[in-house]
Protein backbone atom coordinates (compact mmCIF):
# COMPACT_ATOMS: atom_id res chain seq x y z
CA MET A 1 -0.30 57.17 6.29
CA ARG A 2 3.69 57.45 7.05
CA ARG A 3 5.90 57.60 3.92
CA VAL A 4 9.21 55.66 4.37
CA HIS A 5 12.37 55.79 2.24
CA ILE A 6 12.79 53.09 -0.63
CA ASP A 7 16.03 51.54 1.08
CA GLU A 8 13.91 51.00 4.26
CA VAL A 9 11.02 49.49 2.27
CA ARG A 10 13.45 47.31 0.33
CA ASN A 11 15.31 46.09 3.46
CA HIS A 12 12.16 45.31 5.39
CA LEU A 13 10.64 43.39 2.15
CA ALA A 14 13.95 41.22 1.82
CA ARG A 15 13.74 40.61 5.57
CA VAL A 16 10.11 39.42 5.51
CA ALA A 17 10.67 37.35 2.53
CA GLY A 18 13.43 35.52 4.06
CA ARG A 19 10.94 34.95 7.13
CA ALA A 20 8.25 33.84 4.89
CA TYR A 21 10.77 31.32 3.41
CA THR A 22 11.82 30.14 6.72
CA ALA A 23 8.36 29.44 7.84
CA GLN A 24 7.66 27.67 4.68
CA LEU A 25 10.77 25.52 5.02
CA GLU A 26 9.60 24.41 8.78
CA PHE A 27 5.94 24.09 7.84
CA SER A 28 7.08 21.88 4.61
CA LYS A 29 9.12 19.75 7.31
CA LEU A 30 6.08 19.44 9.48
CA GLU A 31 3.98 18.05 6.65
CA THR A 32 6.37 15.75 5.56
CA ASP A 33 6.40 14.42 8.98
CA LEU A 34 2.58 14.27 8.96
CA ARG A 35 2.72 12.26 5.66
CA ALA A 36 5.26 9.93 7.15
CA TRP A 37 3.17 9.51 10.43
CA ILE A 38 0.10 8.81 8.71
CA ALA A 39 1.71 6.26 6.32
CA HIS A 40 3.03 4.75 9.73
CA LEU A 41 -0.23 4.55 11.43
CA GLU A 42 -2.67 3.51 8.49
CA PRO A 43 -1.57 -0.32 8.95
CA ARG A 44 -2.29 0.21 12.71
CA VAL A 45 -5.95 1.39 11.78
CA GLN A 46 -6.45 -1.58 9.64
CA GLU A 47 -5.10 -4.00 12.26
CA ALA A 48 -7.43 -2.37 15.17
CA THR A 49 -10.40 -2.40 12.69
CA ALA A 50 -9.92 -5.90 11.69
CA LEU A 51 -9.74 -7.10 15.51
CA VAL A 52 -13.19 -5.77 16.10
CA ALA A 53 -14.73 -8.49 13.96
CA PRO A 54 -13.26 -11.43 16.01
CA ALA A 55 -14.70 -9.77 19.21
CA TYR A 56 -17.98 -9.83 17.78
CA LEU A 57 -17.78 -13.39 16.31
CA ARG A 58 -15.60 -15.68 18.37
CA ALA A 59 -17.54 -18.97 17.74
CA PHE A 60 -18.74 -20.44 14.55
CA SER A 61 -22.38 -21.24 15.23
CA LYS A 62 -25.88 -20.24 14.11
CA GLU A 63 -26.34 -18.40 17.40
CA GLY A 64 -22.94 -16.51 17.21
CA LEU A 65 -23.52 -15.68 13.58
CA ALA A 66 -26.97 -14.36 14.56
CA TRP A 67 -25.67 -12.34 17.30
CA ALA A 68 -23.04 -10.69 15.20
CA GLU A 69 -25.57 -9.71 12.63
CA THR A 70 -27.99 -8.17 15.17
CA MET A 71 -25.26 -6.00 16.93
CA THR A 72 -23.57 -4.83 13.81
CA GLY A 73 -26.19 -4.75 11.38
CA TYR A 74 -24.35 -6.94 8.82
CA ARG A 75 -26.72 -9.12 6.58
CA GLY A 76 -24.22 -11.12 4.92
CA PHE A 77 -24.45 -14.37 6.87
CA SER A 78 -28.32 -14.47 6.40
CA ARG A 79 -27.85 -13.86 2.69
CA ARG A 80 -25.17 -16.38 2.38
CA ASP A 81 -25.26 -19.02 5.05
CA PRO A 82 -21.48 -19.75 6.07
CA ILE A 83 -22.46 -22.88 8.15
CA ALA A 84 -24.43 -24.66 4.85
CA ALA A 85 -21.27 -23.46 3.14
CA MET A 86 -19.04 -25.28 5.42
CA GLU A 87 -21.55 -28.57 5.39
CA HIS A 88 -21.32 -28.55 1.66
CA GLU A 89 -17.39 -28.30 1.81
CA GLU A 90 -17.39 -31.08 4.35
CA PHE A 91 -19.86 -33.32 1.98
CA ARG A 92 -17.29 -32.64 -0.89
CA LEU A 93 -14.10 -33.32 1.01
CA ARG A 94 -15.48 -36.87 2.29
CA LYS A 95 -16.73 -37.38 -1.18
CA THR A 96 -13.00 -36.91 -2.40
CA ILE A 97 -11.43 -39.07 0.28
CA ALA A 98 -13.85 -41.83 -0.59
CA ALA A 99 -13.09 -41.62 -4.15
CA VAL A 100 -9.45 -41.62 -3.75
CA GLU A 101 -9.59 -44.62 -1.37
CA ALA A 102 -11.57 -46.42 -3.88
CA ASP A 103 -9.17 -45.89 -6.48
CA ASP A 104 -7.05 -48.89 -7.48
CA ARG A 105 -3.84 -46.71 -7.83
CA TYR A 106 -4.20 -45.56 -4.11
CA ARG A 107 -4.87 -49.11 -2.93
CA ARG A 108 -1.65 -50.35 -4.72
CA ARG A 109 0.28 -47.28 -4.26
CA GLU A 110 3.30 -48.59 -2.69
CA GLU A 111 3.51 -51.39 -5.10
CA LEU A 112 2.90 -49.19 -8.25
CA LEU A 113 5.43 -46.62 -6.85
CA ALA A 114 8.21 -49.40 -6.63
CA GLN A 115 7.19 -50.57 -9.99
CA LEU A 116 7.28 -47.18 -11.77
CA GLU A 117 10.52 -46.38 -9.99
CA ARG A 118 12.45 -49.41 -11.43
CA GLU A 119 10.94 -48.90 -14.51
CA ARG A 120 12.07 -45.10 -14.72
CA ASP A 121 15.60 -46.26 -13.49
CA ALA A 122 15.74 -48.73 -16.31
CA HIS A 123 14.59 -46.12 -18.92
CA ARG A 124 17.30 -43.71 -17.54
CA ALA A 125 19.85 -46.06 -18.17
CA GLU A 126 18.95 -46.93 -21.69
CA LEU A 127 18.63 -43.07 -22.13
CA ALA A 128 22.15 -42.31 -20.82
CA ARG A 129 23.76 -44.95 -23.27
CA TRP A 130 22.06 -43.62 -26.23
CA GLN A 131 22.71 -40.02 -24.97
CA GLN A 132 26.46 -40.89 -24.84
CA SER A 133 26.23 -42.15 -28.59
CA CYS A 134 24.70 -38.75 -29.58
CA ASP A 135 27.50 -36.91 -27.83
CA ARG A 136 29.83 -38.31 -30.03
CA PHE A 137 28.38 -36.21 -32.71
CA GLU A 138 26.56 -33.42 -30.86
CA LYS A 139 29.69 -32.39 -29.04
CA LEU A 140 31.65 -31.82 -32.26
CA GLU A 141 32.04 -28.10 -33.37
CA GLY A 142 29.17 -26.90 -35.41
CA PHE A 143 27.57 -30.25 -35.83
CA LEU A 144 24.13 -29.19 -34.60
CA GLU A 145 24.48 -26.00 -36.67
CA LEU A 146 24.72 -28.22 -39.76
CA VAL A 147 21.72 -30.40 -38.70
CA MET A 148 19.86 -27.13 -38.27
CA VAL A 149 20.51 -25.76 -41.75
CA LYS A 150 20.26 -29.26 -43.28
CA TYR A 151 23.58 -29.27 -44.76
CA ASP A 152 24.32 -31.95 -47.37
CA THR A 153 20.63 -32.82 -47.97
CA PRO A 154 18.20 -31.96 -50.51
CA GLU A 155 16.62 -29.15 -48.27
CA PHE A 156 19.85 -27.20 -47.89
CA ALA A 157 19.24 -23.90 -49.26
CA GLU A 158 22.52 -21.93 -49.31
CA SER A 159 24.27 -20.63 -52.26
CA TRP A 160 27.96 -21.12 -53.13
CA LEU A 161 27.79 -17.36 -53.47
CA GLU A 162 27.32 -16.91 -49.71
CA ALA A 163 30.43 -16.97 -47.40
CA ARG A 164 28.24 -19.30 -44.80
CA TYR A 165 28.08 -21.96 -47.46
CA TRP A 166 32.01 -22.37 -47.51
CA ARG A 167 32.19 -21.97 -43.75
CA HIS A 168 29.49 -25.05 -43.36
CA TRP A 169 31.51 -26.90 -46.14
CA LYS A 170 34.67 -26.56 -43.96
CA MET A 171 32.79 -27.42 -40.87
CA GLY A 172 31.51 -30.57 -42.53
CA ASP A 173 34.78 -31.82 -43.76
CA ALA A 174 36.44 -31.38 -40.25
CA ILE A 175 33.57 -33.50 -38.80
CA CYS A 176 34.04 -36.23 -41.30
CA ASP A 177 37.72 -36.38 -40.54
CA ALA A 178 36.90 -36.29 -36.69
CA LEU A 179 34.60 -39.16 -37.08
CA GLU A 180 36.88 -40.93 -39.78
CA MET A 181 33.64 -41.05 -42.17
CA LYS A 182 33.84 -40.34 -45.82
CA ASP A 183 30.84 -38.03 -46.46
CA PHE A 184 28.49 -35.97 -43.99
CA GLY A 185 25.41 -36.72 -45.98
CA ASP A 186 25.66 -40.31 -46.79
CA ASP A 187 27.66 -41.56 -43.73
CA VAL A 188 27.73 -39.11 -40.90
CA LEU A 189 23.81 -37.76 -40.75
CA PRO A 190 22.20 -41.22 -41.10
CA ALA A 191 24.56 -42.60 -38.25
CA TYR A 192 23.44 -39.57 -36.12
CA GLN A 193 19.91 -39.98 -36.79
CA ASP A 194 20.00 -43.60 -35.98
CA VAL A 195 21.25 -42.92 -32.33
CA ALA A 196 19.39 -39.95 -32.10
CA LYS A 197 16.12 -41.78 -32.89
CA GLN A 198 16.93 -44.23 -30.03
CA ARG A 199 17.83 -41.39 -27.87
CA ASP A 200 14.58 -39.54 -28.18
CA HIS A 201 12.31 -42.90 -27.63
CA TRP A 202 14.03 -43.46 -24.32
CA LYS A 203 13.53 -39.81 -23.30
CA GLN A 204 9.81 -39.96 -23.94
CA GLU A 205 9.76 -43.12 -22.04
CA VAL A 206 11.37 -41.63 -19.04
CA GLU A 207 8.96 -38.58 -19.28
CA ARG A 208 5.91 -40.97 -19.67
CA VAL A 209 6.85 -42.83 -16.25
CA GLU A 210 7.76 -39.75 -14.56
CA ALA A 211 4.20 -38.39 -15.26
CA GLU A 212 2.86 -41.40 -14.02
CA ILE A 213 4.88 -41.22 -10.70
CA ARG A 214 3.64 -37.62 -10.23
CA ALA A 215 -0.15 -38.41 -10.96
CA LEU A 216 0.29 -41.20 -8.22
CA HIS A 217 1.68 -38.70 -5.81
CA GLU A 218 -1.09 -36.42 -6.55
CA VAL A 219 -3.65 -38.87 -5.77
CA VAL A 220 -2.13 -39.35 -2.53
CA ARG A 221 -1.54 -35.66 -1.95
CA THR A 222 -5.34 -35.12 -2.72
CA ARG A 223 -6.67 -37.52 -0.36
CA ASP A 224 -4.13 -36.30 2.48
CA SER A 225 -5.02 -32.58 1.81
CA ALA A 226 -8.58 -33.33 2.13
CA LEU A 227 -8.21 -35.27 5.14
CA ALA A 228 -5.95 -32.65 6.98
CA ARG A 229 -8.57 -29.97 6.10
CA LEU A 230 -11.55 -31.43 7.47
CA PRO A 231 -11.05 -31.03 11.10
CA ARG A 232 -9.93 -27.38 10.26
CA LEU A 233 -13.17 -26.51 8.65
CA PRO A 234 -14.93 -24.68 11.43
CA ALA A 235 -11.74 -22.65 12.14
CA LEU A 236 -11.32 -21.79 8.45
CA PHE A 237 -15.01 -20.87 7.78
CA LEU A 238 -14.91 -18.79 11.22
CA GLU A 239 -11.99 -16.76 9.94
CA GLN A 240 -13.52 -16.24 6.48
CA ALA A 241 -16.69 -15.02 8.30
CA GLN A 242 -14.52 -12.72 10.51
CA ARG A 243 -12.91 -11.15 7.48
CA ALA A 244 -16.19 -10.56 5.64
CA LEU A 245 -17.47 -8.85 8.96
CA ALA A 246 -14.43 -7.07 9.07
CA GLU A 247 -14.86 -5.56 5.83
CA PHE A 248 -18.53 -4.24 6.72
CA ILE A 249 -17.28 -2.94 10.05
CA ALA A 250 -14.25 -0.95 8.52
CA GLU A 251 -17.04 1.27 6.71
CA ALA A 252 -19.54 1.18 9.78
CA ASP A 253 -20.03 4.10 12.29
CA ILE A 254 -18.28 2.99 15.47
CA PRO A 255 -20.17 5.11 17.80
CA LEU A 256 -23.34 3.70 16.58
CA LEU A 257 -21.85 0.09 16.97
CA ALA A 258 -20.96 1.15 20.48
CA ASP A 259 -24.36 2.35 21.25
CA TRP A 260 -25.84 -0.95 19.99
CA LEU A 261 -23.54 -2.98 22.14
CA GLY A 262 -24.66 -0.99 25.23
CA ARG A 263 -28.08 -2.63 24.93
CA ALA A 264 -26.75 -6.06 24.58
CA GLU A 265 -26.98 -8.80 27.39
CA GLY A 266 -23.83 -10.57 28.81
CA ASP A 267 -20.42 -9.39 29.09
CA THR A 268 -19.29 -7.41 26.10
CA ARG A 269 -16.58 -5.79 27.43
CA HIS A 270 -13.94 -7.34 25.13
CA ILE A 271 -15.92 -5.74 22.18
CA ALA A 272 -16.19 -2.42 23.67
CA VAL A 273 -12.33 -2.27 24.10
CA ALA A 274 -11.82 -3.60 20.53
CA LEU A 275 -14.33 -0.68 19.14
CA ARG A 276 -12.42 2.00 21.39
CA ARG A 277 -9.10 0.79 19.96
CA ALA A 278 -10.45 0.96 16.41
CA ALA A 279 -12.16 4.50 16.93
CA GLY A 280 -8.96 5.73 18.65
CA ALA A 281 -6.65 4.45 15.66
CA GLN A 282 -9.16 6.01 13.13
CA ALA A 283 -9.33 9.33 14.88
CA LYS A 284 -5.58 9.40 15.00
CA VAL A 285 -5.35 9.13 11.24
CA ARG A 286 -8.30 11.41 10.64
CA TYR A 287 -6.58 14.36 12.86
CA LEU A 288 -3.32 14.13 11.19
CA ARG A 289 -4.75 14.11 7.60
CA GLU A 290 -6.63 17.13 8.36
CA MET A 291 -3.37 18.97 10.02
CA ALA A 292 -1.70 17.72 6.87
CA THR A 293 -4.08 19.37 4.59
CA GLU A 294 -4.24 22.70 6.59
CA VAL A 295 -0.51 22.80 6.85
CA HIS A 296 -0.16 22.05 2.96
CA ALA A 297 -2.38 25.13 2.47
CA ILE A 298 -0.19 27.12 4.72
CA VAL A 299 2.98 25.89 2.84
CA GLU A 300 1.60 27.08 -0.68
CA ASP A 301 0.33 30.50 0.85
CA LEU A 302 3.65 31.24 2.46
CA GLY A 303 5.29 30.61 -0.97
CA ALA A 304 2.95 33.04 -2.60
CA ARG A 305 3.68 35.68 0.07
CA MET A 306 7.49 34.95 -0.27
CA HIS A 307 7.49 35.57 -3.88
CA LYS A 308 5.22 38.58 -3.46
CA TYR A 309 8.08 40.20 -1.39
CA GLN A 310 10.82 39.19 -3.72
CA ARG A 311 8.95 40.40 -6.55
CA LYS A 312 8.40 43.79 -4.51
CA VAL A 313 12.14 43.97 -3.91
CA ARG A 314 12.85 43.53 -7.41
CA LYS A 315 10.35 46.28 -8.42
CA TYR A 316 11.84 48.74 -6.06
CA GLU A 317 15.21 48.21 -7.09
CA HIS A 318 14.45 49.78 -10.40
CA TRP A 319 16.19 53.02 -11.10
CA LYS A 320 12.84 55.00 -11.00
CA TYR A 321 12.44 54.18 -7.42
CA SER A 322 16.22 54.88 -6.33
CA ALA A 323 15.41 58.00 -4.47
CA GLY A 324 11.84 58.11 -3.74
CA TYR A 325 9.50 57.19 -0.79
CA GLN A 326 6.75 54.81 -0.62
CA LEU A 327 3.64 54.43 1.89
CA GLU A 328 4.11 51.99 4.64
CA ASN A 329 1.31 49.89 3.72
CA VAL A 330 3.50 48.27 0.69
CA MET A 331 5.85 46.73 3.59
CA ASP A 332 3.03 44.35 4.89
CA LEU A 333 3.95 45.13 8.64
CA LYS A 334 1.29 42.89 9.68
CA PHE A 335 3.16 39.78 8.72
CA GLU A 336 6.14 40.62 10.53
CA ALA A 337 4.24 41.11 13.41
CA LYS A 338 2.60 37.98 13.47
CA TYR A 339 5.51 35.99 12.47
CA PRO A 340 6.56 35.00 16.10
CA LYS A 341 3.16 33.75 16.72
CA LEU A 342 3.20 31.91 13.42
CA MET A 343 6.27 30.06 14.47
CA GLU A 344 4.39 29.41 17.90
CA ARG A 345 1.57 27.87 16.03
CA LEU A 346 3.92 25.67 14.04
CA GLN A 347 5.18 24.22 17.43
CA GLN A 348 1.82 23.91 18.75
CA LEU A 349 0.95 21.84 15.54
CA ARG A 350 4.03 19.73 15.81
CA ALA A 351 3.33 18.94 19.55
CA ALA A 352 -0.22 18.25 19.02
CA ALA A 353 0.83 15.81 16.22
CA GLN A 354 3.17 14.11 18.71
CA ALA A 355 0.67 13.79 21.41
CA ILE A 356 -1.83 12.12 18.96
CA ILE A 357 0.77 9.58 17.88
CA GLY A 358 1.95 8.88 21.22
CA PHE A 359 -1.80 8.48 22.64
CA GLU A 360 -2.57 4.99 24.03
CA ASP A 361 -5.40 5.33 26.37
CA HIS A 362 -7.85 4.23 23.76
CA GLU A 363 -9.55 1.77 25.99
CA ARG A 364 -10.59 4.30 28.48
CA PHE A 365 -12.43 6.72 26.05
CA ASP A 366 -15.98 6.23 26.32
CA LEU A 367 -17.62 5.87 22.89
CA LYS A 368 -20.69 7.97 24.36
CA ASN A 369 -18.54 10.83 23.80
CA PRO A 370 -18.76 13.06 20.71
CA PRO A 371 -16.07 11.80 18.15
CA GLU A 372 -14.61 15.36 18.20
CA LEU A 373 -13.55 14.89 21.85
CA TRP A 374 -10.67 12.42 20.82
CA TRP A 375 -8.60 15.50 20.27
CA ARG A 376 -9.19 16.83 23.54
CA ALA A 377 -8.31 13.18 24.93
CA MET A 378 -5.35 13.08 23.02
CA THR A 379 -3.65 16.27 23.09
CA GLY A 380 -5.17 17.66 26.45
CA THR A 381 -5.84 21.05 24.44
CA LYS A 382 -8.33 22.66 22.44
CA PRO A 383 -7.81 22.70 18.59
CA PRO A 384 -5.52 25.45 17.03
CA GLY A 385 -7.03 27.90 14.58
CA THR A 386 -5.59 25.89 11.68
CA MET A 387 -8.08 23.16 12.53
CA ARG A 388 -11.00 25.28 11.45
CA ARG A 389 -13.56 22.55 11.16
CA LEU A 390 -12.75 21.03 14.44
CA ARG A 391 -12.15 24.58 16.16
CA THR A 392 -15.52 25.40 15.17
CA TRP A 393 -17.16 22.43 16.96
CA TYR A 394 -15.13 23.38 20.17
CA LYS A 395 -16.54 27.01 19.83
CA ARG A 396 -20.28 25.66 19.53
CA TYR A 397 -19.99 23.24 22.06
CA PRO A 398 -17.63 24.48 24.90
CA GLU A 399 -19.51 22.72 27.77
CA HIS A 400 -18.45 19.24 26.20
CA ARG A 401 -16.10 17.46 28.45
CA VAL A 402 -14.34 14.18 27.84
CA ILE A 403 -16.01 11.26 29.65
CA TRP A 404 -13.89 8.29 30.50
CA VAL A 405 -15.12 4.52 30.85
CA ASP A 406 -13.73 4.50 34.61
CA GLY A 407 -15.83 7.48 35.52
CA VAL A 408 -13.39 10.25 35.31
CA VAL A 409 -14.38 13.46 33.85
CA ASP A 410 -11.97 15.96 32.26
CA GLU A 411 -12.43 19.81 33.15
CA VAL A 412 -14.69 22.19 31.07
CA ILE A 413 -12.54 23.38 28.06
CA GLU A 414 -12.03 27.08 28.54
CA GLU A 415 -14.30 28.93 26.20
CA ILE A 416 -12.81 30.14 22.79
CA GLU A 417 -12.85 33.87 22.40
CA GLU A 418 -13.82 35.24 19.19
CA GLU A 419 -10.81 37.67 19.39
CA GLU A 420 -8.39 34.84 19.98
CA ASP A 421 -10.04 32.70 16.81
CA ASP A 422 -9.65 35.82 14.76
CA ASP A 423 -6.03 36.32 15.64
CA ALA A 424 -5.45 32.67 14.97
CA ALA A 425 -7.14 32.99 11.49
CA ILE A 426 -4.45 36.11 10.98
CA VAL A 427 -1.66 33.67 12.04
CA ALA A 428 -2.80 30.95 9.53
CA GLY A 429 -3.11 33.57 6.81
CA VAL A 430 -0.87 33.29 5.86
CA VAL A 431 -3.72 31.56 4.15
CA VAL A 432 -4.17 33.69 1.07
CA ASP A 433 -7.83 33.93 -0.08
CA ARG A 434 -9.16 34.79 -3.64
CA VAL A 435 -9.01 38.51 -2.87
CA VAL A 436 -5.50 38.22 -1.86
CA ARG A 437 -4.48 36.13 -4.89
CA ASP A 438 -6.52 38.71 -7.17
CA GLU A 439 -4.35 41.50 -5.47
CA LEU A 440 -1.04 39.47 -6.14
CA ALA A 441 -2.01 39.17 -9.97
CA ARG A 442 -2.74 42.77 -10.17
CA GLU A 443 0.58 43.61 -8.61
CA GLU A 444 2.35 41.36 -11.18
CA GLU A 445 0.48 43.22 -13.94
CA GLU A 446 1.50 46.62 -12.44
CA ASP A 447 5.21 45.41 -12.12
CA ALA A 448 5.37 44.45 -15.88
CA ASP A 449 4.05 47.62 -17.01
CA GLU A 450 6.46 49.67 -14.98
CA TYR A 451 9.30 47.68 -16.08
CA LEU A 452 8.18 48.37 -19.72
CA SER A 453 7.66 52.18 -19.05
C-alpha cells in the first residue's frame, strides 16, 4: 500500500471533512423540507380519508347502514343502532316541546315579559335613587376603607401604637367635616347603614326580576331549539354515523376495501374514487416519512464521518507526525470518490419528494396494484438505494407494472442490478454501521493515548 506524506494526508482529510460537512448541511436541509411537507400533507390525508365514509353512507336508512357495514366490515351500526337513537331523540324533543307549550309561563310569555320588564325598570329607578344616597358616603376618600376596618366601632382592632390608627382617625375626622356630622361612629356610620340597606334591598330585587326574565327567555329558547332540531335529525345522525365510520376506515386496509367494493352491485365509482384519493394521500405521507427517516440516518452518519476526519486532522498536526508518512488507507479515498454520487443521490431524493408532493392523479391508480407501485406512479422512477425496504420489493418483483383504471399499463421497470444496488449502499454509507462505529471509538482511544505519550 502506498505511503503518503503527512502534509498530503492532512490536506486530504481537511478537504473530505469539508465535503462531509457540506453534504450533511444539504441533507439536513432536505430533512427539514421533508418534515415540513409531511406536516403540510397530514391534514390532507385526514380530509381525504374522512371523505370515504360519506361516499359509502350517502343516505340515513336501514338499508344504507347495512350496506355500509357489509362493504367495510364495520359493525358499530349493528351494535348501536343510529336509527333507534334518532327515533329516541325525536321522541324526547317532541316531549320537550309539548311540556313547554303546556307551561303557563310560555302561554303567557308576552304578558309576563312586559310585566317583568316594567317591574325591573321600577326597581332600577329605586336602586339608582338609593345608590345616589350611598355615593354621598362611598365616594369620599377613605370611607369604604374605614367601613372595612370597622373604624369607631367596638370591633375596631387597631392600636394607638400603630401608624395606621392615626391615619384612620384623620380620615374619619375629614369625612365628618365633609358630611357636616359630629361623630363617625355615632352619626356617619348609622346614616350610611340606613341608605346602604335600602340600596342592597333594591339591588336584590333587580337581580331577582332579571333572573325571572332570563328563565322566561330560556323556556322559549328551549322550545325553539327543539323545534328547529327536529327536521335536522336525519342529517345530524347521518353526519354522526359518517364520523364513526370514518374513524374505522382511517385504520382499515384500503386495498381490501377496494377488493370488497369490486364485488358490489350498482354504481360504486364515487366510492372507488374516494378510496383512491385516500390511498394516494396516505402513500404520499408514508413515502415522505420513510425518506425523512433514511435522510436523518445519513445526516447523523455524515456528522460522525466529519468528526472522524477532523479528529484525524488534529491527530496528524501533532509534532510527532510532522515529518512522517502514513499509509494511504487513513485518507478514506472511497468517500471522496463517492462524494459526487452522494450529492447526485441528494438531488434524486429531492426530485422524488417533489414529484410525490405534486402528484394529483390518484383517481387513475387501480387499487388492485400492489401498494408499493404508488412510488412508481408518483415518481415515474424506481426507488433509490436509500429507500431500502421499497428498493428490496422492486428487486424482488421487477415484473410488476402500474395499471391505471383507464386501461393504460406502464412499461416494465428495468431490472435493478445487484452491482448498482451495492453502489447505492456505498453512497448511502455514509451509513455508519456498528462495525464502523466501533472503529471510530477505537480511533478515539488511540488518539487519546498518542496525545498523552
